[in-house]
Each structure stands twice: as C-alpha cells, then as structure tokens.
Amino acid sequence: MSSALPITDGSEQQITAIEGRFAKSYLPDHAQLILADGTVKTYHGKKAPSNAPEMADNVLPKLVADASQLTG
C-alpha cells in the first residue's frame, strides 16, 4: 500500500514536464525537468538493470533534489 502527501505550496505548478525513457526494468540514464519559465534541466547518468542498482548512476535522485527546491 502506498500513500501520497498532497503538494500544497504550489510548486508542482512550476513543472511543465518530466521527460525521459522510464521503465520498470532499468534505472534511467537521462531525464529532463522542464519548468514553466522555459528552463530545461538535463540530467545524465549511467543506465543499469533495476535488479542491479549499484551499477547505475541513477538520474532520478538528481532530478528530485532539484525539484524539491521549488517553492510555491
């Protein structure tokens, strides 16, 4: 069972899109965070199978770290 906390500071309105090739079978090596002001932040890493995460340079923690700095 998963639960989610609502985003109440309006920060999600600053994100236009999150793009990349995402699949359950691997950790992604490329992603983009596109902000409403036109800023595009690109993240590069190393792709690896999801059952061997230690082989990856997963871009998602990098993207989340930047996105978590947004405020409403």
N, C-alpha and C. Protein backbone atom coordinates (compact mmCIF):
# COMPACT_ATOMS: atom_id res chain seq x y z
N MET A 1 0.85 -1.18 0.00
CA MET A 1 0.00 0.00 0.00
C MET A 1 0.89 1.24 0.00
N SER A 2 0.58 2.17 -0.84
CA SER A 2 1.34 3.41 -0.88
C SER A 2 0.42 4.57 -0.53
N SER A 3 1.05 5.58 -0.01
CA SER A 3 0.28 6.78 0.30
C SER A 3 1.04 7.98 -0.23
N ALA A 4 0.33 9.01 -0.53
CA ALA A 4 0.95 10.22 -1.07
C ALA A 4 0.51 11.41 -0.24
N LEU A 5 1.43 12.30 -0.07
CA LEU A 5 1.11 13.54 0.61
C LEU A 5 0.78 14.59 -0.43
N PRO A 6 -0.24 15.38 -0.21
CA PRO A 6 -0.58 16.41 -1.18
C PRO A 6 0.48 17.50 -1.23
N ILE A 7 0.68 18.06 -2.39
CA ILE A 7 1.58 19.20 -2.55
C ILE A 7 0.73 20.44 -2.38
N THR A 8 1.02 21.22 -1.36
CA THR A 8 0.15 22.34 -1.02
C THR A 8 0.82 23.70 -1.22
N ASP A 9 2.11 23.72 -1.61
CA ASP A 9 2.78 25.01 -1.75
C ASP A 9 2.76 25.55 -3.18
N GLY A 10 2.12 24.85 -4.10
CA GLY A 10 2.03 25.32 -5.47
C GLY A 10 3.25 25.00 -6.32
N SER A 11 4.25 24.33 -5.76
CA SER A 11 5.48 24.07 -6.51
C SER A 11 5.25 23.19 -7.74
N GLU A 12 4.26 22.30 -7.71
CA GLU A 12 4.01 21.45 -8.87
C GLU A 12 3.57 22.26 -10.09
N GLN A 13 3.06 23.47 -9.87
CA GLN A 13 2.65 24.33 -10.98
C GLN A 13 3.86 24.89 -11.73
N GLN A 14 5.04 24.80 -11.14
CA GLN A 14 6.25 25.29 -11.79
C GLN A 14 6.85 24.25 -12.75
N ILE A 15 6.36 23.01 -12.68
CA ILE A 15 6.89 21.94 -13.52
C ILE A 15 5.96 21.71 -14.70
N THR A 16 6.49 21.88 -15.90
CA THR A 16 5.70 21.63 -17.11
C THR A 16 5.73 20.15 -17.46
N ALA A 17 6.92 19.53 -17.36
CA ALA A 17 7.04 18.12 -17.72
C ALA A 17 8.31 17.52 -17.13
N ILE A 18 8.28 16.22 -16.99
CA ILE A 18 9.46 15.42 -16.70
C ILE A 18 9.55 14.41 -17.83
N GLU A 19 10.66 14.48 -18.56
CA GLU A 19 10.79 13.62 -19.74
C GLU A 19 11.99 12.71 -19.60
N GLY A 20 11.89 11.56 -20.22
CA GLY A 20 12.98 10.60 -20.24
C GLY A 20 12.44 9.25 -20.67
N ARG A 21 13.33 8.29 -20.73
CA ARG A 21 12.90 6.93 -21.04
C ARG A 21 12.87 6.17 -19.72
N PHE A 22 11.67 5.95 -19.22
CA PHE A 22 11.49 5.32 -17.92
C PHE A 22 10.81 3.97 -18.11
N ALA A 23 11.33 2.96 -17.42
CA ALA A 23 10.75 1.63 -17.45
C ALA A 23 11.03 0.96 -16.11
N LYS A 24 10.21 0.00 -15.76
CA LYS A 24 10.40 -0.73 -14.51
C LYS A 24 11.64 -1.61 -14.55
N SER A 25 12.11 -1.95 -15.73
CA SER A 25 13.21 -2.91 -15.85
C SER A 25 14.60 -2.30 -15.71
N TYR A 26 14.72 -0.99 -15.71
CA TYR A 26 16.04 -0.37 -15.57
C TYR A 26 15.96 1.00 -14.90
N LEU A 27 17.10 1.43 -14.38
CA LEU A 27 17.22 2.78 -13.84
C LEU A 27 17.67 3.69 -14.96
N PRO A 28 17.04 4.83 -15.12
CA PRO A 28 17.31 5.68 -16.28
C PRO A 28 18.66 6.38 -16.22
N ASP A 29 19.18 6.67 -17.41
CA ASP A 29 20.45 7.38 -17.53
C ASP A 29 20.29 8.79 -18.07
N HIS A 30 19.06 9.19 -18.35
CA HIS A 30 18.81 10.50 -18.93
C HIS A 30 17.41 10.94 -18.54
N ALA A 31 17.28 12.20 -18.15
CA ALA A 31 15.97 12.78 -17.86
C ALA A 31 16.05 14.28 -17.99
N GLN A 32 14.89 14.89 -18.20
CA GLN A 32 14.81 16.35 -18.26
C GLN A 32 13.66 16.82 -17.39
N LEU A 33 13.93 17.89 -16.67
CA LEU A 33 12.93 18.58 -15.88
C LEU A 33 12.66 19.89 -16.61
N ILE A 34 11.43 20.07 -17.07
CA ILE A 34 11.06 21.26 -17.84
C ILE A 34 10.16 22.13 -16.96
N LEU A 35 10.63 23.34 -16.72
CA LEU A 35 9.91 24.25 -15.83
C LEU A 35 9.03 25.20 -16.62
N ALA A 36 8.03 25.73 -15.95
CA ALA A 36 7.06 26.62 -16.58
C ALA A 36 7.71 27.87 -17.14
N ASP A 37 8.84 28.30 -16.59
CA ASP A 37 9.51 29.51 -17.09
C ASP A 37 10.37 29.23 -18.33
N GLY A 38 10.33 27.99 -18.84
CA GLY A 38 11.09 27.63 -20.03
C GLY A 38 12.45 27.00 -19.75
N THR A 39 12.85 26.99 -18.49
CA THR A 39 14.12 26.36 -18.12
C THR A 39 14.04 24.85 -18.33
N VAL A 40 15.08 24.29 -18.94
CA VAL A 40 15.17 22.85 -19.11
C VAL A 40 16.43 22.38 -18.39
N LYS A 41 16.25 21.52 -17.41
CA LYS A 41 17.38 20.95 -16.68
C LYS A 41 17.55 19.51 -17.16
N THR A 42 18.75 19.19 -17.62
CA THR A 42 19.03 17.87 -18.15
C THR A 42 19.95 17.12 -17.20
N TYR A 43 19.64 15.86 -16.99
CA TYR A 43 20.40 15.02 -16.08
C TYR A 43 20.92 13.81 -16.85
N HIS A 44 22.21 13.52 -16.66
CA HIS A 44 22.84 12.37 -17.32
C HIS A 44 23.41 11.46 -16.25
N GLY A 45 23.35 10.18 -16.52
CA GLY A 45 23.89 9.20 -15.59
C GLY A 45 24.32 7.95 -16.33
N LYS A 46 24.16 6.82 -15.69
CA LYS A 46 24.51 5.53 -16.29
C LYS A 46 23.35 4.58 -16.07
N LYS A 47 22.82 4.05 -17.15
CA LYS A 47 21.69 3.13 -17.12
C LYS A 47 22.14 1.77 -16.58
N ALA A 48 21.26 1.12 -15.81
CA ALA A 48 21.54 -0.21 -15.29
C ALA A 48 20.22 -0.94 -15.04
N PRO A 49 20.26 -2.27 -15.03
CA PRO A 49 19.05 -3.03 -14.72
C PRO A 49 18.54 -2.68 -13.32
N SER A 50 17.24 -2.70 -13.15
CA SER A 50 16.67 -2.34 -11.85
C SER A 50 17.05 -3.34 -10.76
N ASN A 51 17.44 -4.56 -11.14
CA ASN A 51 17.85 -5.52 -10.12
C ASN A 51 19.33 -5.41 -9.78
N ALA A 52 20.03 -4.42 -10.36
CA ALA A 52 21.44 -4.16 -10.05
C ALA A 52 21.66 -2.66 -9.93
N PRO A 53 20.97 -2.00 -9.00
CA PRO A 53 21.04 -0.53 -8.91
C PRO A 53 22.44 -0.01 -8.59
N GLU A 54 23.27 -0.83 -7.98
CA GLU A 54 24.62 -0.39 -7.65
C GLU A 54 25.46 -0.11 -8.90
N MET A 55 25.03 -0.62 -10.05
CA MET A 55 25.75 -0.40 -11.31
C MET A 55 25.35 0.90 -11.99
N ALA A 56 24.32 1.55 -11.48
CA ALA A 56 23.76 2.74 -12.13
C ALA A 56 24.29 4.04 -11.54
N ASP A 57 24.20 5.06 -12.34
CA ASP A 57 24.27 6.44 -11.86
C ASP A 57 22.88 6.99 -12.16
N ASN A 58 21.96 6.69 -11.27
CA ASN A 58 20.54 6.97 -11.46
C ASN A 58 20.29 8.48 -11.48
N VAL A 59 19.62 8.96 -12.50
CA VAL A 59 19.35 10.39 -12.64
C VAL A 59 18.16 10.86 -11.79
N LEU A 60 17.31 9.95 -11.37
CA LEU A 60 16.11 10.38 -10.66
C LEU A 60 16.39 11.06 -9.32
N PRO A 61 17.33 10.60 -8.50
CA PRO A 61 17.61 11.35 -7.27
C PRO A 61 18.12 12.77 -7.56
N LYS A 62 18.85 12.94 -8.63
CA LYS A 62 19.34 14.27 -9.01
C LYS A 62 18.17 15.18 -9.39
N LEU A 63 17.26 14.65 -10.18
CA LEU A 63 16.08 15.41 -10.61
C LEU A 63 15.22 15.76 -9.41
N VAL A 64 14.99 14.80 -8.53
CA VAL A 64 14.16 15.04 -7.35
C VAL A 64 14.80 16.08 -6.43
N ALA A 65 16.11 16.03 -6.29
CA ALA A 65 16.80 17.01 -5.44
C ALA A 65 16.58 18.43 -5.96
N ASP A 66 16.66 18.61 -7.27
CA ASP A 66 16.40 19.93 -7.85
C ASP A 66 14.93 20.33 -7.71
N ALA A 67 14.05 19.40 -8.01
CA ALA A 67 12.60 19.70 -7.94
C ALA A 67 12.17 20.00 -6.52
N SER A 68 12.81 19.39 -5.54
CA SER A 68 12.41 19.63 -4.16
C SER A 68 12.78 21.03 -3.69
N GLN A 69 13.63 21.73 -4.45
CA GLN A 69 14.00 23.11 -4.10
C GLN A 69 12.97 24.13 -4.58
N LEU A 70 12.02 23.69 -5.40
CA LEU A 70 10.98 24.61 -5.90
C LEU A 70 10.01 24.95 -4.77
N THR A 71 9.57 26.19 -4.76
CA THR A 71 8.56 26.60 -3.78
C THR A 71 7.45 27.34 -4.50
N GLY A 72 6.30 27.34 -3.89
CA GLY A 72 5.14 27.97 -4.49
C GLY A 72 5.19 29.46 -4.45
